[in-house]
C-alpha atoms as a PDB file:
ATOM      1  CA  MET A   1      -0.185   0.090   0.192  1.00  0.00           C
ATOM      2  CA  SER A   2       1.499   3.376  -0.910  1.00  0.00           C
ATOM      3  CA  LYS A   3       0.968   5.942   2.148  1.00  0.00           C
ATOM      4  CA  ALA A   4       1.451   8.646  -0.062  1.00  0.00           C
ATOM      5  CA  TYR A   5      -1.718   7.677  -2.202  1.00  0.00           C
ATOM      6  CA  THR A   6      -3.404   7.467   1.222  1.00  0.00           C
ATOM      7  CA  GLN A   7      -2.395  10.245   1.828  1.00  0.00           C
ATOM      8  CA  ALA A   8      -3.993  12.395  -1.521  1.00  0.00           C
ATOM      9  CA  GLY A   9      -7.060  10.738  -0.691  1.00  0.00           C
ATOM     10  CA  VAL A  10      -7.149   7.019  -2.190  1.00  0.00           C
ATOM     11  CA  ASP A  11      -7.723   4.120   0.508  1.00  0.00           C
ATOM     12  CA  VAL A  12      -6.506   1.408  -1.557  1.00  0.00           C
ATOM     13  CA  GLU A  13      -7.448  -0.618   1.617  1.00  0.00           C
ATOM     14  CA  ALA A  14     -11.304   0.261   1.196  1.00  0.00           C
ATOM     15  CA  GLY A  15     -10.442  -1.056  -2.221  1.00  0.00           C
ATOM     16  CA  TYR A  16     -10.161  -4.477  -1.468  1.00  0.00           C
ATOM     17  CA  LYS A  17     -12.816  -4.409   1.564  1.00  0.00           C
ATOM     18  CA  ALA A  18     -14.912  -3.346  -1.336  1.00  0.00           C
ATOM     19  CA  VAL A  19     -14.013  -6.088  -3.349  1.00  0.00           C
ATOM     20  CA  ALA A  20     -13.887  -9.067  -0.398  1.00  0.00           C
ATOM     21  CA  LEU A  21     -17.685  -7.451   0.560  1.00  0.00           C
ATOM     22  CA  MET A  22     -19.346  -8.147  -3.232  1.00  0.00           C
ATOM     23  CA  LYS A  23     -17.811 -11.650  -4.106  1.00  0.00           C
ATOM     24  CA  LYS A  24     -20.923 -13.238  -3.285  1.00  0.00           C
ATOM     25  CA  HIS A  25     -23.096 -10.644  -4.654  1.00  0.00           C
ATOM     26  CA  VAL A  26     -21.232 -11.354  -8.465  1.00  0.00           C
ATOM     27  CA  GLU A  27     -21.245 -14.988  -7.654  1.00  0.00           C
ATOM     28  CA  SER A  28     -24.648 -15.257  -7.055  1.00  0.00           C
ATOM     29  CA  THR A  29     -24.868 -13.805 -10.660  1.00  0.00           C
ATOM     30  CA  GLN A  30     -22.435 -16.977 -12.330  1.00  0.00           C
ATOM     31  CA  THR A  31     -24.085 -18.629 -15.152  1.00  0.00           C
ATOM     32  CA  LYS A  32     -22.794 -21.593 -17.290  1.00  0.00           C
ATOM     33  CA  GLY A  33     -20.745 -19.713 -19.774  1.00  0.00           C
ATOM     34  CA  VAL A  34     -18.312 -17.695 -16.807  1.00  0.00           C
ATOM     35  CA  LEU A  35     -14.983 -18.412 -16.962  1.00  0.00           C
ATOM     36  CA  GLY A  36     -13.026 -17.690 -13.736  1.00  0.00           C
ATOM     37  CA  GLY A  37     -14.127 -15.440 -11.175  1.00  0.00           C
ATOM     38  CA  ILE A  38     -13.902 -11.571 -10.359  1.00  0.00           C
ATOM     39  CA  GLY A  39      -9.742 -10.229  -9.640  1.00  0.00           C
ATOM     40  CA  GLY A  40      -8.572 -10.851 -12.725  1.00  0.00           C
ATOM     41  CA  PHE A  41      -8.144  -7.462 -15.969  1.00  0.00           C
ATOM     42  CA  GLY A  42     -11.338  -8.672 -17.817  1.00  0.00           C
ATOM     43  CA  GLY A  43     -13.898 -10.888 -17.243  1.00  0.00           C
ATOM     44  CA  LEU A  44     -14.387 -14.351 -19.424  1.00  0.00           C
ATOM     45  CA  PHE A  45     -16.831 -15.643 -19.980  1.00  0.00           C
ATOM     46  CA  GLU A  46     -17.601 -18.855 -22.923  1.00  0.00           C
ATOM     47  CA  PRO A  47     -20.475 -17.665 -25.368  1.00  0.00           C
ATOM     48  CA  ASP A  48     -22.725 -21.165 -26.015  1.00  0.00           C
ATOM     49  CA  LEU A  49     -23.479 -20.449 -29.857  1.00  0.00           C
ATOM     50  CA  THR A  50     -25.993 -24.404 -30.275  1.00  0.00           C
ATOM     51  CA  GLY A  51     -27.993 -24.198 -32.887  1.00  0.00           C
ATOM     52  CA  LEU A  52     -26.659 -20.174 -33.844  1.00  0.00           C
ATOM     53  CA  ARG A  53     -26.226 -20.240 -37.532  1.00  0.00           C
ATOM     54  CA  ARG A  54     -24.558 -16.902 -37.935  1.00  0.00           C
ATOM     55  CA  PRO A  55     -24.597 -15.427 -33.973  1.00  0.00           C
ATOM     56  CA  VAL A  56     -24.492 -11.556 -33.515  1.00  0.00           C
ATOM     57  CA  LEU A  57     -23.419 -10.109 -30.436  1.00  0.00           C
ATOM     58  CA  VAL A  58     -25.146  -7.043 -29.376  1.00  0.00           C
ATOM     59  CA  SER A  59     -23.888  -4.578 -27.052  1.00  0.00           C
ATOM     60  CA  GLY A  60     -25.792  -1.290 -23.991  1.00  0.00           C
ATOM     61  CA  THR A  61     -24.179   0.779 -22.443  1.00  0.00           C
ATOM     62  CA  ASP A  62     -25.854   2.998 -20.535  1.00  0.00           C
ATOM     63  CA  GLY A  63     -25.870   4.481 -16.898  1.00  0.00           C
ATOM     64  CA  VAL A  64     -28.112   6.215 -13.717  1.00  0.00           C
ATOM     65  CA  GLY A  65     -28.479   9.725 -14.405  1.00  0.00           C
ATOM     66  CA  THR A  66     -29.068  12.285 -11.603  1.00  0.00           C
ATOM     67  CA  LYS A  67     -31.652   9.495 -10.124  1.00  0.00           C
ATOM     68  CA  LEU A  68     -28.336   9.056  -7.848  1.00  0.00           C
ATOM     69  CA  LYS A  69     -29.304  12.325  -6.361  1.00  0.00           C
ATOM     70  CA  ILE A  70     -32.367  11.044  -5.332  1.00  0.00           C
ATOM     71  CA  ALA A  71     -29.849   8.502  -3.669  1.00  0.00           C
ATOM     72  CA  PHE A  72     -27.620  10.338  -2.173  1.00  0.00           C
ATOM     73  CA  VAL A  73     -29.741  12.523  -0.256  1.00  0.00           C
ATOM     74  CA  LEU A  74     -32.224   9.090   1.233  1.00  0.00           C
ATOM     75  CA  ASP A  75     -28.383   7.504   1.365  1.00  0.00           C
ATOM     76  CA  LYS A  76     -30.123   4.530   0.076  1.00  0.00           C
ATOM     77  CA  HIS A  77     -27.817   2.629  -2.312  1.00  0.00           C
ATOM     78  CA  ASP A  78     -29.303  -0.916  -2.885  1.00  0.00           C
ATOM     79  CA  THR A  79     -32.030  -0.080  -6.041  1.00  0.00           C
ATOM     80  CA  VAL A  80     -30.061   2.314  -8.751  1.00  0.00           C
ATOM     81  CA  GLY A  81     -27.297  -0.911  -8.932  1.00  0.00           C
ATOM     82  CA  ILE A  82     -31.031  -2.244 -10.326  1.00  0.00           C
ATOM     83  CA  ASP A  83     -31.349   0.734 -13.163  1.00  0.00           C
ATOM     84  CA  CYS A  84     -27.920   0.578 -14.109  1.00  0.00           C
ATOM     85  CA  VAL A  85     -28.580  -3.296 -15.326  1.00  0.00           C
ATOM     86  CA  ALA A  86     -32.127  -2.407 -16.776  1.00  0.00           C
ATOM     87  CA  MET A  87     -31.040   0.220 -18.878  1.00  0.00           C
ATOM     88  CA  CYS A  88     -28.199  -2.120 -20.466  1.00  0.00           C
ATOM     89  CA  VAL A  89     -30.296  -5.451 -20.658  1.00  0.00           C
ATOM     90  CA  ASN A  90     -33.579  -4.178 -21.750  1.00  0.00           C
ATOM     91  CA  ASP A  91     -31.885  -2.350 -24.530  1.00  0.00           C
ATOM     92  CA  VAL A  92     -30.098  -5.425 -25.750  1.00  0.00           C
ATOM     93  CA  VAL A  93     -32.718  -7.650 -25.558  1.00  0.00           C
ATOM     94  CA  CYS A  94     -34.904  -5.220 -27.822  1.00  0.00           C
ATOM     95  CA  ALA A  95     -32.713  -6.759 -31.059  1.00  0.00           C
ATOM     96  CA  GLY A  96     -33.387 -10.210 -30.014  1.00  0.00           C
ATOM     97  CA  ALA A  97     -30.611 -11.184 -27.930  1.00  0.00           C
ATOM     98  CA  ALA A  98     -30.783 -12.702 -24.536  1.00  0.00           C
ATOM     99  CA  PRO A  99     -28.150 -11.211 -22.217  1.00  0.00           C
ATOM    100  CA  LEU A 100     -24.846 -12.453 -21.252  1.00  0.00           C
ATOM    101  CA  PHE A 101     -22.725 -10.684 -18.962  1.00  0.00           C
ATOM    102  CA  PHE A 102     -22.966  -7.119 -17.565  1.00  0.00           C
ATOM    103  CA  LEU A 103     -19.567  -5.036 -16.439  1.00  0.00           C
ATOM    104  CA  ASP A 104     -19.873  -1.990 -14.407  1.00  0.00           C
ATOM    105  CA  TYR A 105     -18.188   1.078 -13.532  1.00  0.00           C
ATOM    106  CA  ILE A 106     -18.154   2.935 -10.136  1.00  0.00           C
ATOM    107  CA  ALA A 107     -16.882   6.085  -9.983  1.00  0.00           C
ATOM    108  CA  CYS A 108     -16.853   7.586  -6.121  1.00  0.00           C
ATOM    109  CA  GLY A 109     -15.433  10.983  -4.124  1.00  0.00           C
ATOM    110  CA  LYS A 110     -14.519   8.237  -1.241  1.00  0.00           C
ATOM    111  CA  ASN A 111     -14.759   4.285  -1.484  1.00  0.00           C
ATOM    112  CA  THR A 112     -16.915   3.099   1.623  1.00  0.00           C
ATOM    113  CA  PRO A 113     -16.905  -0.748   0.986  1.00  0.00           C
ATOM    114  CA  GLU A 114     -20.548  -0.637   2.585  1.00  0.00           C
ATOM    115  CA  LYS A 115     -21.679   1.269   0.012  1.00  0.00           C
ATOM    116  CA  ILE A 116     -20.095   0.052  -2.657  1.00  0.00           C
ATOM    117  CA  ALA A 117     -21.272  -3.027  -1.837  1.00  0.00           C
ATOM    118  CA  ALA A 118     -24.734  -2.321  -1.531  1.00  0.00           C
ATOM    119  CA  ILE A 119     -24.385  -0.748  -5.350  1.00  0.00           C
ATOM    120  CA  VAL A 120     -22.952  -4.109  -5.927  1.00  0.00           C
ATOM    121  CA  SER A 121     -26.131  -6.364  -4.532  1.00  0.00           C
ATOM    122  CA  GLY A 122     -28.661  -3.605  -6.418  1.00  0.00           C
ATOM    123  CA  MET A 123     -26.356  -4.750  -9.745  1.00  0.00           C
ATOM    124  CA  ALA A 124     -26.428  -8.135  -8.939  1.00  0.00           C
ATOM    125  CA  ALA A 125     -30.073  -8.392  -8.149  1.00  0.00           C
ATOM    126  CA  GLY A 126     -31.047  -6.956 -11.781  1.00  0.00           C
ATOM    127  CA  CYS A 127     -28.605  -9.944 -13.408  1.00  0.00           C
ATOM    128  CA  ARG A 128     -29.885 -12.296 -11.671  1.00  0.00           C
ATOM    129  CA  GLU A 129     -33.237 -11.166 -13.036  1.00  0.00           C
ATOM    130  CA  ALA A 130     -31.895 -10.355 -16.168  1.00  0.00           C
ATOM    131  CA  GLY A 131     -30.442 -14.004 -16.329  1.00  0.00           C
ATOM    132  CA  CYS A 132     -27.111 -12.484 -17.318  1.00  0.00           C
ATOM    133  CA  ALA A 133     -23.688 -13.117 -15.654  1.00  0.00           C
ATOM    134  CA  LEU A 134     -21.853  -9.887 -13.521  1.00  0.00           C
ATOM    135  CA  VAL A 135     -18.470 -11.218 -14.752  1.00  0.00           C
ATOM    136  CA  GLY A 136     -16.624  -8.127 -13.838  1.00  0.00           C
ATOM    137  CA  GLY A 137     -16.134  -4.241 -13.257  1.00  0.00           C
ATOM    138  CA  GLU A 138     -14.327  -1.017 -11.577  1.00  0.00           C
ATOM    139  CA  THR A 139     -14.379   1.399  -8.852  1.00  0.00           C
ATOM    140  CA  ALA A 140     -12.257   4.237  -9.125  1.00  0.00           C
ATOM    141  CA  GLU A 141     -12.195   6.505  -6.306  1.00  0.00           C
ATOM    142  CA  MET A 142     -11.496  10.381  -7.314  1.00  0.00           C
ATOM    143  CA  PRO A 143     -11.058  12.490  -4.665  1.00  0.00           C
ATOM    144  CA  GLY A 144     -11.511  16.071  -5.536  1.00  0.00           C
ATOM    145  CA  PHE A 145     -13.414  15.147  -8.467  1.00  0.00           C
ATOM    146  CA  TYR A 146     -16.647  13.851  -6.695  1.00  0.00           C
ATOM    147  CA  ALA A 147     -17.966  14.825  -3.973  1.00  0.00           C
ATOM    148  CA  GLN A 148     -16.819  12.779  -0.671  1.00  0.00           C
ATOM    149  CA  GLU A 149     -20.829  11.326  -0.442  1.00  0.00           C
ATOM    150  CA  GLU A 150     -21.113  11.266  -4.441  1.00  0.00           C
ATOM    151  CA  TYR A 151     -20.690   8.961  -7.238  1.00  0.00           C
ATOM    152  CA  ASP A 152     -21.629   7.952 -10.647  1.00  0.00           C
ATOM    153  CA  LEU A 153     -23.158   4.763 -12.272  1.00  0.00           C
ATOM    154  CA  ALA A 154     -22.107   3.330 -15.930  1.00  0.00           C
ATOM    155  CA  GLY A 155     -22.592   0.004 -17.413  1.00  0.00           C
ATOM    156  CA  PHE A 156     -21.916  -1.836 -20.425  1.00  0.00           C
ATOM    157  CA  CYS A 157     -24.247  -5.461 -21.168  1.00  0.00           C
ATOM    158  CA  VAL A 158     -23.673  -8.140 -24.368  1.00  0.00           C
ATOM    159  CA  GLY A 159     -26.352  -9.956 -25.770  1.00  0.00           C
ATOM    160  CA  LEU A 160     -26.240 -12.992 -28.469  1.00  0.00           C
ATOM    161  CA  VAL A 161     -29.067 -13.444 -31.437  1.00  0.00           C
ATOM    162  CA  ASP A 162     -28.732 -15.339 -34.564  1.00  0.00           C
ATOM    163  CA  TYR A 163     -28.879 -13.270 -37.312  1.00  0.00           C
ATOM    164  CA  GLU A 164     -32.147 -14.308 -39.077  1.00  0.00           C
ATOM    165  CA  GLN A 165     -33.535 -13.841 -35.945  1.00  0.00           C
ATOM    166  CA  ARG A 166     -32.631  -9.982 -34.970  1.00  0.00           C
ATOM    167  CA  ILE A 167     -35.402  -7.874 -34.139  1.00  0.00           C
ATOM    168  CA  ASP A 168     -34.262  -4.721 -36.097  1.00  0.00           C
ATOM    169  CA  GLY A 169     -38.198  -3.380 -37.136  1.00  0.00           C
ATOM    170  CA  ARG A 170     -38.323  -4.263 -40.700  1.00  0.00           C
ATOM    171  CA  HIS A 171     -40.829  -6.133 -41.087  1.00  0.00           C
ATOM    172  CA  ILE A 172     -43.558  -3.911 -38.984  1.00  0.00           C
ATOM    173  CA  ALA A 173     -46.216  -2.731 -41.533  1.00  0.00           C
ATOM    174  CA  GLU A 174     -49.547  -0.846 -41.617  1.00  0.00           C
ATOM    175  CA  GLY A 175     -52.111  -2.298 -38.899  1.00  0.00           C
ATOM    176  CA  ASP A 176     -49.688  -3.970 -36.798  1.00  0.00           C
ATOM    177  CA  LEU A 177     -50.758  -3.515 -32.840  1.00  0.00           C
ATOM    178  CA  LEU A 178     -48.589  -1.846 -30.495  1.00  0.00           C
ATOM    179  CA  ILE A 179     -48.858  -3.694 -26.908  1.00  0.00           C
ATOM    180  CA  GLY A 180     -47.665  -2.144 -23.830  1.00  0.00           C
ATOM    181  CA  LEU A 181     -45.495  -3.480 -21.060  1.00  0.00           C
ATOM    182  CA  SER A 182     -46.265  -1.452 -17.373  1.00  0.00           C
ATOM    183  CA  SER A 183     -43.354   0.650 -15.857  1.00  0.00           C
ATOM    184  CA  SER A 184     -42.812   0.636 -12.280  1.00  0.00           C
ATOM    185  CA  GLY A 185     -42.821   4.472 -12.367  1.00  0.00           C
ATOM    186  CA  VAL A 186     -40.682   7.062 -13.581  1.00  0.00           C
ATOM    187  CA  HIS A 187     -37.700   4.227 -13.877  1.00  0.00           C
ATOM    188  CA  ALA A 188     -34.366   6.317 -14.501  1.00  0.00           C
ATOM    189  CA  ASN A 189     -35.171   9.298 -16.922  1.00  0.00           C
ATOM    190  CA  GLY A 190     -36.205  13.351 -17.080  1.00  0.00           C
ATOM    191  CA  PHE A 191     -35.151  12.788 -13.327  1.00  0.00           C
ATOM    192  CA  SER A 192     -33.787  16.893 -13.995  1.00  0.00           C
ATOM    193  CA  LEU A 193     -37.017  18.183 -14.789  1.00  0.00           C
ATOM    194  CA  VAL A 194     -38.486  15.535 -12.103  1.00  0.00           C
ATOM    195  CA  ARG A 195     -36.161  16.885  -8.724  1.00  0.00           C
ATOM    196  CA  ARG A 196     -36.790  20.752 -10.630  1.00  0.00           C
ATOM    197  CA  VAL A 197     -40.879  20.504 -10.497  1.00  0.00           C
ATOM    198  CA  LEU A 198     -41.156  18.486  -6.735  1.00  0.00           C
ATOM    199  CA  GLY A 199     -38.171  18.543  -5.871  1.00  0.00           C
ATOM    200  CA  GLU A 200     -35.255  16.775  -3.727  1.00  0.00           C
ATOM    201  CA  GLY A 201     -34.126  18.115  -0.662  1.00  0.00           C
ATOM    202  CA  GLU A 202     -35.434  15.455   2.243  1.00  0.00           C
ATOM    203  CA  GLY A 203     -38.768  17.581   3.406  1.00  0.00           C
ATOM    204  CA  ALA A 204     -39.289  16.386  -0.345  1.00  0.00           C
ATOM    205  CA  LEU A 205     -38.681  13.207  -0.664  1.00  0.00           C
ATOM    206  CA  GLY A 206     -40.225  12.714   2.310  1.00  0.00           C
ATOM    207  CA  ARG A 207     -43.445  14.064   1.791  1.00  0.00           C
ATOM    208  CA  HIS A 208     -46.337  10.901   1.572  1.00  0.00           C
ATOM    209  CA  TYR A 209     -48.138  11.071  -1.404  1.00  0.00           C
ATOM    210  CA  ASN A 210     -51.694   9.270  -0.948  1.00  0.00           C
ATOM    211  CA  GLU A 211     -52.369   8.512  -4.683  1.00  0.00           C
ATOM    212  CA  LEU A 212     -49.167   6.282  -4.128  1.00  0.00           C
ATOM    213  CA  GLY A 213     -49.399   5.494  -1.373  1.00  0.00           C
ATOM    214  CA  CYS A 214     -45.580   6.554  -0.712  1.00  0.00           C
ATOM    215  CA  THR A 215     -43.392   8.729   0.236  1.00  0.00           C
ATOM    216  CA  LEU A 216     -41.472  10.922  -3.023  1.00  0.00           C
ATOM    217  CA  GLY A 217     -38.437   9.081  -2.304  1.00  0.00           C
ATOM    218  CA  GLU A 218     -39.903   5.880  -1.763  1.00  0.00           C
ATOM    219  CA  GLU A 219     -41.705   6.632  -5.536  1.00  0.00           C
ATOM    220  CA  LEU A 220     -38.608   7.620  -7.218  1.00  0.00           C
ATOM    221  CA  LEU A 221     -36.231   5.098  -6.403  1.00  0.00           C
ATOM    222  CA  LYS A 222     -38.352   2.109  -7.556  1.00  0.00           C
ATOM    223  CA  PRO A 223     -35.862   0.274  -9.782  1.00  0.00           C
ATOM    224  CA  THR A 224     -36.340   0.020 -13.797  1.00  0.00           C
ATOM    225  CA  ARG A 225     -38.342  -2.725 -14.648  1.00  0.00           C
ATOM    226  CA  ILE A 226     -36.189  -5.652 -16.326  1.00  0.00           C
ATOM    227  CA  TYR A 227     -38.455  -6.876 -18.819  1.00  0.00           C
ATOM    228  CA  VAL A 228     -35.810  -9.593 -20.577  1.00  0.00           C
ATOM    229  CA  ARG A 229     -37.356 -13.412 -19.438  1.00  0.00           C
ATOM    230  CA  PRO A 230     -41.074 -12.051 -20.473  1.00  0.00           C
ATOM    231  CA  LEU A 231     -39.800 -10.645 -23.835  1.00  0.00           C
ATOM    232  CA  LEU A 232     -37.658 -14.076 -24.531  1.00  0.00           C
ATOM    233  CA  ARG A 233     -40.485 -15.963 -23.622  1.00  0.00           C
ATOM    234  CA  LEU A 234     -43.151 -14.185 -26.234  1.00  0.00           C
ATOM    235  CA  MET A 235     -40.260 -14.480 -29.588  1.00  0.00           C
ATOM    236  CA  LYS A 236     -41.051 -18.256 -28.929  1.00  0.00           C
ATOM    237  CA  LYS A 237     -44.504 -17.695 -29.514  1.00  0.00           C
ATOM    238  CA  VAL A 238     -44.558 -15.351 -31.929  1.00  0.00           C
ATOM    239  CA  LYS A 239     -42.988 -12.977 -34.351  1.00  0.00           C
ATOM    240  CA  VAL A 240     -42.042 -10.231 -32.736  1.00  0.00           C
ATOM    241  CA  LYS A 241     -41.531  -7.315 -35.477  1.00  0.00           C
ATOM    242  CA  GLY A 242     -39.796  -4.677 -33.392  1.00  0.00           C
ATOM    243  CA  ILE A 243     -39.203  -3.249 -29.543  1.00  0.00           C
ATOM    244  CA  SER A 244     -39.069  -0.102 -28.153  1.00  0.00           C
ATOM    245  CA  HIS A 245     -37.841   0.792 -24.899  1.00  0.00           C
ATOM    246  CA  ILE A 246     -39.400   3.704 -22.979  1.00  0.00           C
ATOM    247  CA  THR A 247     -35.981   5.510 -21.833  1.00  0.00           C
ATOM    248  CA  GLY A 248     -35.297   9.354 -22.273  1.00  0.00           C
ATOM    249  CA  GLY A 249     -37.088  11.463 -24.679  1.00  0.00           C
ATOM    250  CA  GLY A 250     -40.246   9.289 -23.793  1.00  0.00           C
ATOM    251  CA  PHE A 251     -42.561   7.887 -26.391  1.00  0.00           C
ATOM    252  CA  ILE A 252     -42.574  10.810 -29.209  1.00  0.00           C
ATOM    253  CA  GLU A 253     -38.297   9.773 -29.706  1.00  0.00           C
ATOM    254  CA  ASN A 254     -38.556   6.070 -28.492  1.00  0.00           C
ATOM    255  CA  VAL A 255     -40.901   4.431 -30.111  1.00  0.00           C
ATOM    256  CA  PRO A 256     -40.637   5.859 -34.046  1.00  0.00           C
ATOM    257  CA  ARG A 257     -37.004   4.045 -33.246  1.00  0.00           C
ATOM    258  CA  MET A 258     -38.526   0.720 -34.176  1.00  0.00           C
ATOM    259  CA  LEU A 259     -40.510   2.148 -36.769  1.00  0.00           C
ATOM    260  CA  PRO A 260     -39.775   1.593 -41.080  1.00  0.00           C
ATOM    261  CA  GLN A 261     -39.561   4.632 -42.968  1.00  0.00           C
ATOM    262  CA  GLY A 262     -43.267   5.985 -44.253  1.00  0.00           C
ATOM    263  CA  LEU A 263     -44.647   4.195 -40.896  1.00  0.00           C
ATOM    264  CA  CYS A 264     -46.030   5.945 -37.930  1.00  0.00           C
ATOM    265  CA  ALA A 265     -46.889   4.714 -34.721  1.00  0.00           C
ATOM    266  CA  ALA A 266     -50.962   5.731 -33.535  1.00  0.00           C
ATOM    267  CA  ILE A 267     -51.334   5.991 -29.646  1.00  0.00           C
ATOM    268  CA  GLU A 268     -54.791   5.872 -27.458  1.00  0.00           C
ATOM    269  CA  PRO A 269     -53.316   7.446 -23.974  1.00  0.00           C
ATOM    270  CA  HIS A 270     -56.437   6.414 -22.569  1.00  0.00           C
ATOM    271  CA  SER A 271     -56.069   2.302 -23.392  1.00  0.00           C
ATOM    272  CA  PHE A 272     -53.611   2.417 -19.933  1.00  0.00           C
ATOM    273  CA  PRO A 273     -53.531   3.654 -17.010  1.00  0.00           C
ATOM    274  CA  GLU A 274     -51.051   6.269 -16.392  1.00  0.00           C
ATOM    275  CA  HIS A 275     -48.787   6.112 -13.534  1.00  0.00           C
ATOM    276  CA  PRO A 276     -49.822   8.577 -10.292  1.00  0.00           C
ATOM    277  CA  ILE A 277     -46.170   9.782 -10.148  1.00  0.00           C
ATOM    278  CA  PHE A 278     -46.662  11.513 -13.752  1.00  0.00           C
ATOM    279  CA  ASP A 279     -49.795  13.139 -12.727  1.00  0.00           C
ATOM    280  CA  ILE A 280     -48.601  14.668  -9.622  1.00  0.00           C
ATOM    281  CA  ILE A 281     -45.398  16.061 -12.103  1.00  0.00           C
ATOM    282  CA  LYS A 282     -47.871  17.441 -14.947  1.00  0.00           C
ATOM    283  CA  ARG A 283     -49.685  18.934 -11.901  1.00  0.00           C
ATOM    284  CA  GLU A 284     -47.341  20.951 -10.110  1.00  0.00           C
ATOM    285  CA  GLY A 285     -45.006  21.524 -12.660  1.00  0.00           C
ATOM    286  CA  ARG A 286     -47.936  22.525 -15.042  1.00  0.00           C
ATOM    287  CA  ILE A 287     -46.777  20.504 -17.951  1.00  0.00           C
ATOM    288  CA  PRO A 288     -47.836  20.110 -21.413  1.00  0.00           C
ATOM    289  CA  PRO A 289     -49.095  16.784 -22.121  1.00  0.00           C
ATOM    290  CA  ARG A 290     -46.965  16.514 -25.192  1.00  0.00           C
ATOM    291  CA  ASP A 291     -44.182  17.769 -22.943  1.00  0.00           C
ATOM    292  CA  MET A 292     -45.209  14.841 -20.594  1.00  0.00           C
ATOM    293  CA  TYR A 293     -45.272  12.307 -23.366  1.00  0.00           C
ATOM    294  CA  GLY A 294     -41.622  13.405 -24.676  1.00  0.00           C
ATOM    295  CA  THR A 295     -39.788  13.080 -22.065  1.00  0.00           C
ATOM    296  CA  PHE A 296     -41.696  10.350 -19.649  1.00  0.00           C
ATOM    297  CA  ASN A 297     -42.697   6.684 -20.068  1.00  0.00           C
ATOM    298  CA  MET A 298     -45.812   7.184 -18.616  1.00  0.00           C
ATOM    299  CA  GLY A 299     -46.805   3.854 -17.596  1.00  0.00           C
ATOM    300  CA  ILE A 300     -45.316   2.075 -20.539  1.00  0.00           C
ATOM    301  CA  GLY A 301     -41.597   1.520 -19.988  1.00  0.00           C
ATOM    302  CA  LEU A 302     -41.768  -0.728 -22.935  1.00  0.00           C
ATOM    303  CA  VAL A 303     -43.343  -1.369 -26.648  1.00  0.00           C
ATOM    304  CA  ILE A 304     -43.794  -4.367 -28.581  1.00  0.00           C
ATOM    305  CA  ALA A 305     -45.245  -4.004 -32.964  1.00  0.00           C
ATOM    306  CA  VAL A 306     -46.853  -7.728 -33.613  1.00  0.00           C
ATOM    307  CA  ASP A 307     -48.683  -8.883 -36.767  1.00  0.00           C
ATOM    308  CA  LYS A 308     -52.682  -7.914 -35.677  1.00  0.00           C
ATOM    309  CA  LYS A 309     -53.150 -12.177 -36.231  1.00  0.00           C
ATOM    310  CA  ASP A 310     -50.781 -12.872 -33.088  1.00  0.00           C
ATOM    311  CA  GLY A 311     -51.842 -10.304 -30.524  1.00  0.00           C
ATOM    312  CA  GLY A 312     -53.975 -12.552 -28.431  1.00  0.00           C
ATOM    313  CA  GLU A 313     -51.649 -15.108 -28.090  1.00  0.00           C
ATOM    314  CA  ALA A 314     -48.928 -12.161 -27.491  1.00  0.00           C
ATOM    315  CA  VAL A 315     -51.141 -11.181 -24.504  1.00  0.00           C
ATOM    316  CA  THR A 316     -51.723 -14.462 -23.198  1.00  0.00           C
ATOM    317  CA  THR A 317     -48.416 -14.698 -23.118  1.00  0.00           C
ATOM    318  CA  LEU A 318     -47.045 -12.026 -21.778  1.00  0.00           C
ATOM    319  CA  VAL A 319     -50.437 -12.309 -19.127  1.00  0.00           C
ATOM    320  CA  GLU A 320     -48.681 -15.700 -18.476  1.00  0.00           C
ATOM    321  CA  ALA A 321     -45.267 -14.160 -17.966  1.00  0.00           C
ATOM    322  CA  GLY A 322     -46.552 -12.419 -14.942  1.00  0.00           C
ATOM    323  CA  GLU A 323     -46.769  -9.220 -17.482  1.00  0.00           C
ATOM    324  CA  HIS A 324     -49.384  -6.622 -17.403  1.00  0.00           C
ATOM    325  CA  PRO A 325     -49.796  -5.973 -21.166  1.00  0.00           C
ATOM    326  CA  TYR A 326     -52.271  -3.357 -22.871  1.00  0.00           C
ATOM    327  CA  MET A 327     -53.242  -2.314 -26.819  1.00  0.00           C
ATOM    328  CA  ILE A 328     -51.923   0.545 -26.875  1.00  0.00           C
ATOM    329  CA  GLY A 329     -52.255   1.508 -30.133  1.00  0.00           C
ATOM    330  CA  VAL A 330     -51.333   0.656 -34.267  1.00  0.00           C
ATOM    331  CA  VAL A 331     -48.724   1.234 -36.821  1.00  0.00           C
ATOM    332  CA  ARG A 332     -50.154   3.719 -39.688  1.00  0.00           C
ATOM    333  CA  ARG A 333     -49.160   4.935 -42.912  1.00  0.00           C
ATOM    334  CA  GLY A 334     -46.993   8.425 -42.377  1.00  0.00           C
ATOM    335  CA  GLU A 335     -43.796  10.377 -41.617  1.00  0.00           C
ATOM    336  CA  GLY A 336     -45.334  11.780 -37.863  1.00  0.00           C
ATOM    337  CA  GLY A 337     -43.291   9.415 -36.036  1.00  0.00           C
ATOM    338  CA  VAL A 338     -46.411   9.367 -33.339  1.00  0.00           C
ATOM    339  CA  SER A 339     -49.577  10.786 -32.803  1.00  0.00           C
ATOM    340  CA  LEU A 340     -51.402  10.540 -29.748  1.00  0.00           C
ATOM    341  CA  TRP A 341     -55.214  10.435 -30.855  1.00  0.00           C
END
C-alpha cells in the first residue's frame, strides 16, 4: 500500500474491502458461460453457440443519471444498481438478443466499502433477474473530482442473437398492433425535470402522497423494470417485429426508433393506466401533455409491435409471464413519428 497515495485521498485498503464485500453478490450471478471469478484484468465468458447459424453480438451501455441525487439524499444505494442493469439489458433485448454478461463502472469521491457493496448488490439482483452474469467491473476513487458522498454509475452489457432472428423493425407493417408493458414509475429518465418540479431535499422526498401510497422518495427510487425474461418467452411464441424501450425522450422519441420509414405509431393515451407519479409531475409542474409524453414513459416501459393475427396470443403469453400488457395503438402509414389520439 502506498502511504503517499493514501495521503492524496485514495484508500486502497477500502478498495480491497469493497471487493471482498461484493464478491458474494457477483458470485450469485454466475451462469454456465462464466470462466473464472472477479479479480482478473478482464471478465471471461464462453458463449454457447449451439443452434446458432450466424451468431451476432448485441451490446448496450448506459447509466442512471441524476436519479442518483435521490439516492444520495436518502442514503439508499441498493436499488440504483438495478436501474443500471435494466437500462442496458432492456436495450439489448430490443434487438432480440439474450443478455450474456454485464460489467459496471463506479466512480466515487470516497470509497466506502459498505456503500459500494450495496450498489453492487443491486446490480447483482438486476443481473439475476435478466439471466446474465456480472463478470467484472471497476471502482474508481476520485477525491477532488466527486464530492465525498457522491458517485456515478455506468454499465455495459453484451447479448447474443442469431442473425435471422434479430429484431430491427424491418418487418413492421401498416396495421400491426402495439402492445405496451407497464413501468414501475419514472424508471431512470427525466430526473432533471422531476427534481426541478418536485424538489430533491429531505423535506420534499419525505412527503407522503396518498395517490402513491408512499413517500415521494420511496416512489422515485423504485427501480427500472427488467423485461428480458417475458420478452424472450414471447419471442418463442410469436413473431415479434419491433421493440422500443421507453427511456429518455419518452414515447415521442423512442417509439419511432423501431419503425421503418413511411410508418408512424398511433397511440391511444387512455388505453393504459397513467402512473400516478406522472399526474403529480404534470400537475405541480404545469407541464403540457405533449411534453410529458416527450420526456417520460407515462406508465409504459416497453412497446412491442406484432402482427394483428398474433395479438391475442402475445397478450396471453405476456400475462402468463407475469406482465400487465395493454393494447395501446397501431402502426399506420405516415411520417409523423407518434400521434396521440
